[in-house]
Amino acid sequence: MQDISNMNREGLPSSKSLFKATGVAAVIGSVVLVTTILPAEYGIDPTGLGQTMGLTVLSQANAAESAQPESESASSGNLLALPAGPVWKTPEGLSSDSTTVTLGPNEGLEVKATMAEGDRMVFNWTTEGGPVNFDMHGERFNDGDNFTSYWRGRDQPSASGAFEAPFDGTHGWYWENRGEVAVTVVLNTSGFYNDIIKK
């Protein structure tokens, strides 16, 4: 067995420098613990730096996730990261309508749905007899002749899509037949609105 008492200690740190390095490491570790780990993991932020750096949000997310039932957390995967969630909820009942209008040559007509801000619907319309020009737009209640146009088209035989009302009012379509024969427009809507109005 080698006797280490007679080994050359040249180049090795002294006991004093080892204690000093250990102390510095402990101070740095304590600073990291107080300023980052505690705010991020547990929401404890005695210095206020965690909130400034946005770390306390992490502890809130962890708390919200742990509050979810285990089955819900496991089955929903990354959907928990969505702040509003994937489901849009409403107390209103679902409406579904099929509306038919006939436009003579050079005639136009509006069909609108009364909707509250945030209400949603899906729609599909097709024509029989020829294409039409259209303007999908909305009008606020009691706002005179002002309107907001969402989608315009020329010589179109059909259109489909989904719509979310940006404000309370009436929202829908103005169709115009620029042809020489009558055109029938069949509109199918389904969603959350109060009624369908022909103008």
Protein backbone atom coordinates (compact mmCIF):
# COMPACT_ATOMS: atom_id res chain seq x y z
CA MET A 1 0.00 0.00 0.00
CA GLN A 2 1.30 3.44 -1.00
CA ASP A 3 2.06 5.92 1.79
CA ILE A 4 0.33 9.19 0.89
CA SER A 5 1.83 11.19 3.75
CA ASN A 6 5.01 11.75 1.75
CA MET A 7 3.25 12.66 -1.57
CA ASN A 8 4.11 15.98 -3.22
CA ARG A 9 1.18 18.42 -2.68
CA GLU A 10 2.46 21.02 -5.10
CA GLY A 11 -0.33 22.23 -7.45
CA LEU A 12 -3.17 21.00 -5.21
CA PRO A 13 -5.55 23.56 -3.65
CA SER A 14 -5.07 24.37 -0.01
CA SER A 15 -7.72 23.63 2.60
CA LYS A 16 -8.40 27.37 2.84
CA SER A 17 -9.10 27.70 -0.90
CA LEU A 18 -11.33 24.58 -0.81
CA PHE A 19 -13.44 26.08 1.99
CA LYS A 20 -13.62 29.35 0.09
CA ALA A 21 -14.76 27.66 -3.17
CA THR A 22 -17.35 25.63 -1.25
CA GLY A 23 -18.70 28.79 0.37
CA VAL A 24 -18.96 30.60 -2.99
CA ALA A 25 -20.78 27.60 -4.51
CA ALA A 26 -23.21 27.52 -1.58
CA VAL A 27 -23.94 31.25 -1.97
CA ILE A 28 -24.53 30.90 -5.72
CA GLY A 29 -26.77 27.87 -5.14
CA SER A 30 -28.78 29.78 -2.55
CA VAL A 31 -29.23 32.75 -4.89
CA VAL A 32 -30.42 30.45 -7.71
CA LEU A 33 -32.78 28.67 -5.31
CA VAL A 34 -34.36 31.90 -4.04
CA THR A 35 -34.55 33.79 -7.34
CA THR A 36 -35.51 31.03 -9.81
CA ILE A 37 -36.34 27.59 -8.41
CA LEU A 38 -38.72 28.65 -5.62
CA PRO A 39 -40.72 31.08 -7.81
CA ALA A 40 -40.89 28.68 -10.77
CA GLU A 41 -41.75 25.50 -8.87
CA TYR A 42 -43.63 26.66 -5.77
CA GLY A 43 -44.66 30.28 -6.39
CA ILE A 44 -42.51 31.50 -3.49
CA ASP A 45 -40.88 34.76 -4.56
CA PRO A 46 -39.29 36.63 -1.62
CA THR A 47 -37.13 38.87 -3.85
CA GLY A 48 -39.72 39.70 -6.54
CA LEU A 49 -37.27 38.72 -9.29
CA GLY A 50 -39.27 35.59 -10.13
CA GLN A 51 -42.31 37.65 -11.05
CA THR A 52 -40.19 40.13 -12.99
CA MET A 53 -38.67 37.30 -15.03
CA GLY A 54 -42.07 35.62 -15.49
CA LEU A 55 -41.15 32.49 -13.53
CA THR A 56 -44.15 32.56 -11.19
CA VAL A 57 -46.39 31.76 -14.18
CA LEU A 58 -44.75 28.34 -14.32
CA SER A 59 -45.82 27.53 -10.77
CA GLN A 60 -49.41 28.58 -11.58
CA ALA A 61 -49.44 26.29 -14.62
CA ASN A 62 -48.13 23.42 -12.52
CA ALA A 63 -50.82 24.02 -9.90
CA ALA A 64 -53.57 24.14 -12.53
CA GLU A 65 -52.37 20.91 -14.12
CA SER A 66 -52.16 19.10 -10.80
CA ALA A 67 -55.73 20.22 -10.02
CA GLN A 68 -57.03 18.41 -13.13
CA PRO A 69 -58.44 14.92 -12.54
CA GLU A 70 -55.92 12.28 -13.50
CA SER A 71 -58.06 10.82 -16.27
CA GLU A 72 -58.70 14.25 -17.81
CA SER A 73 -55.04 15.22 -17.65
CA ALA A 74 -53.94 11.95 -19.21
CA SER A 75 -56.50 11.89 -21.99
CA SER A 76 -56.32 15.52 -23.12
CA GLY A 77 -52.58 15.56 -23.84
CA ASN A 78 -51.24 18.93 -24.95
CA LEU A 79 -54.73 20.50 -24.98
CA LEU A 80 -54.09 21.58 -21.39
CA ALA A 81 -51.71 24.20 -22.79
CA LEU A 82 -54.58 26.04 -24.52
CA PRO A 83 -55.79 28.87 -22.24
CA ALA A 84 -59.38 28.89 -23.51
CA GLY A 85 -59.53 25.22 -24.42
CA PRO A 86 -60.77 23.69 -27.65
CA VAL A 87 -64.47 23.88 -26.73
CA TRP A 88 -66.61 26.95 -27.37
CA LYS A 89 -69.61 26.91 -25.03
CA THR A 90 -72.98 28.64 -25.25
CA PRO A 91 -76.30 28.39 -23.42
CA GLU A 92 -78.16 28.95 -26.73
CA GLY A 93 -79.77 26.11 -28.65
CA LEU A 94 -78.55 24.99 -32.05
CA SER A 95 -80.42 26.36 -35.09
CA SER A 96 -80.52 24.71 -38.51
CA ASP A 97 -82.30 26.17 -41.53
CA SER A 98 -82.64 25.71 -45.25
CA THR A 99 -83.63 28.94 -47.01
CA THR A 100 -84.52 29.26 -50.70
CA VAL A 101 -84.73 32.54 -52.66
CA THR A 102 -85.38 33.13 -56.33
CA LEU A 103 -83.77 36.08 -58.09
CA GLY A 104 -85.10 37.36 -61.40
CA PRO A 105 -82.75 38.88 -63.98
CA ASN A 106 -80.87 41.90 -62.53
CA GLU A 107 -82.50 41.31 -59.13
CA GLY A 108 -80.81 41.23 -55.72
CA LEU A 109 -81.89 40.03 -52.27
CA GLU A 110 -80.47 39.81 -48.75
CA VAL A 111 -80.73 36.92 -46.30
CA LYS A 112 -79.41 37.62 -42.80
CA ALA A 113 -79.18 35.88 -39.44
CA THR A 114 -79.54 37.77 -36.16
CA MET A 115 -76.47 36.97 -34.06
CA ALA A 116 -74.79 38.13 -30.87
CA GLU A 117 -71.07 38.87 -30.79
CA GLY A 118 -69.16 35.58 -30.69
CA ASP A 119 -72.04 33.44 -32.02
CA ARG A 120 -70.95 30.96 -34.69
CA MET A 121 -72.44 29.16 -37.64
CA VAL A 122 -71.47 27.06 -40.64
CA PHE A 123 -73.05 27.66 -44.02
CA ASN A 124 -73.31 26.41 -47.58
CA TRP A 125 -75.17 27.94 -50.48
CA THR A 126 -75.59 26.79 -54.07
CA THR A 127 -77.35 28.21 -57.10
CA GLU A 128 -79.61 26.69 -59.74
CA GLY A 129 -79.92 28.48 -63.07
CA GLY A 130 -76.59 30.32 -63.10
CA PRO A 131 -73.93 32.02 -60.96
CA VAL A 132 -74.47 35.13 -58.83
CA ASN A 133 -72.49 38.01 -57.41
CA PHE A 134 -72.49 38.11 -53.62
CA ASP A 135 -71.40 40.16 -50.64
CA MET A 136 -71.30 38.52 -47.22
CA HIS A 137 -71.53 41.32 -44.64
CA GLY A 138 -72.91 42.39 -41.29
CA GLU A 139 -74.71 45.38 -39.80
CA ARG A 140 -74.80 46.52 -36.20
CA PHE A 141 -78.20 47.13 -34.65
CA ASN A 142 -79.44 50.74 -35.00
CA ASP A 143 -76.41 51.83 -37.06
CA GLY A 144 -78.15 53.26 -40.10
CA ASP A 145 -76.83 52.15 -43.48
CA ASN A 146 -73.35 51.27 -42.18
CA PHE A 147 -72.15 47.72 -42.74
CA THR A 148 -68.97 45.61 -42.61
CA SER A 149 -68.15 43.45 -45.63
CA TYR A 150 -66.51 40.05 -44.94
CA TRP A 151 -66.37 38.28 -48.30
CA ARG A 152 -67.25 39.28 -51.87
CA GLY A 153 -67.42 37.22 -55.05
CA ARG A 154 -68.49 37.53 -58.69
CA ASP A 155 -70.12 34.88 -60.88
CA GLN A 156 -70.07 32.25 -58.16
CA PRO A 157 -72.26 29.12 -58.22
CA SER A 158 -71.69 28.24 -54.54
CA ALA A 159 -69.83 29.03 -51.33
CA SER A 160 -69.22 27.30 -48.00
CA GLY A 161 -67.56 28.23 -44.75
CA ALA A 162 -67.77 28.99 -41.06
CA PHE A 163 -68.51 32.38 -39.52
CA GLU A 164 -68.12 34.02 -36.09
CA ALA A 165 -70.05 37.24 -35.51
CA PRO A 166 -67.64 40.08 -34.65
CA PHE A 167 -70.45 42.19 -33.14
CA ASP A 168 -74.16 42.08 -32.23
CA GLY A 169 -76.29 42.56 -35.32
CA THR A 170 -77.48 40.92 -38.52
CA HIS A 171 -75.01 38.95 -40.62
CA GLY A 172 -75.49 37.26 -43.97
CA TRP A 173 -75.50 37.61 -47.73
CA TYR A 174 -76.62 39.87 -50.52
CA TRP A 175 -76.94 37.95 -53.79
CA GLU A 176 -77.36 39.61 -57.18
CA ASN A 177 -78.37 37.90 -60.39
CA ARG A 178 -76.74 39.68 -63.33
CA GLY A 179 -77.92 37.06 -65.83
CA GLU A 180 -80.92 36.98 -68.15
CA VAL A 181 -82.75 34.06 -66.52
CA ALA A 182 -84.03 33.49 -62.98
CA VAL A 183 -81.62 31.95 -60.47
CA THR A 184 -82.54 30.04 -57.30
CA VAL A 185 -80.21 30.21 -54.30
CA VAL A 186 -80.45 27.49 -51.65
CA LEU A 187 -78.80 28.41 -48.34
CA ASN A 188 -78.17 25.88 -45.56
CA THR A 189 -77.09 27.20 -42.17
CA SER A 190 -76.44 25.56 -38.84
CA GLY A 191 -75.19 27.18 -35.66
CA PHE A 192 -76.11 29.69 -33.00
CA TYR A 193 -78.33 32.50 -34.24
CA ASN A 194 -81.84 33.69 -33.51
CA ASP A 195 -83.61 33.78 -36.87
CA ILE A 196 -83.20 34.10 -40.63
CA ILE A 197 -84.47 37.32 -42.23
CA LYS A 198 -85.14 37.91 -45.95
CA LYS A 199 -84.92 41.53 -47.16
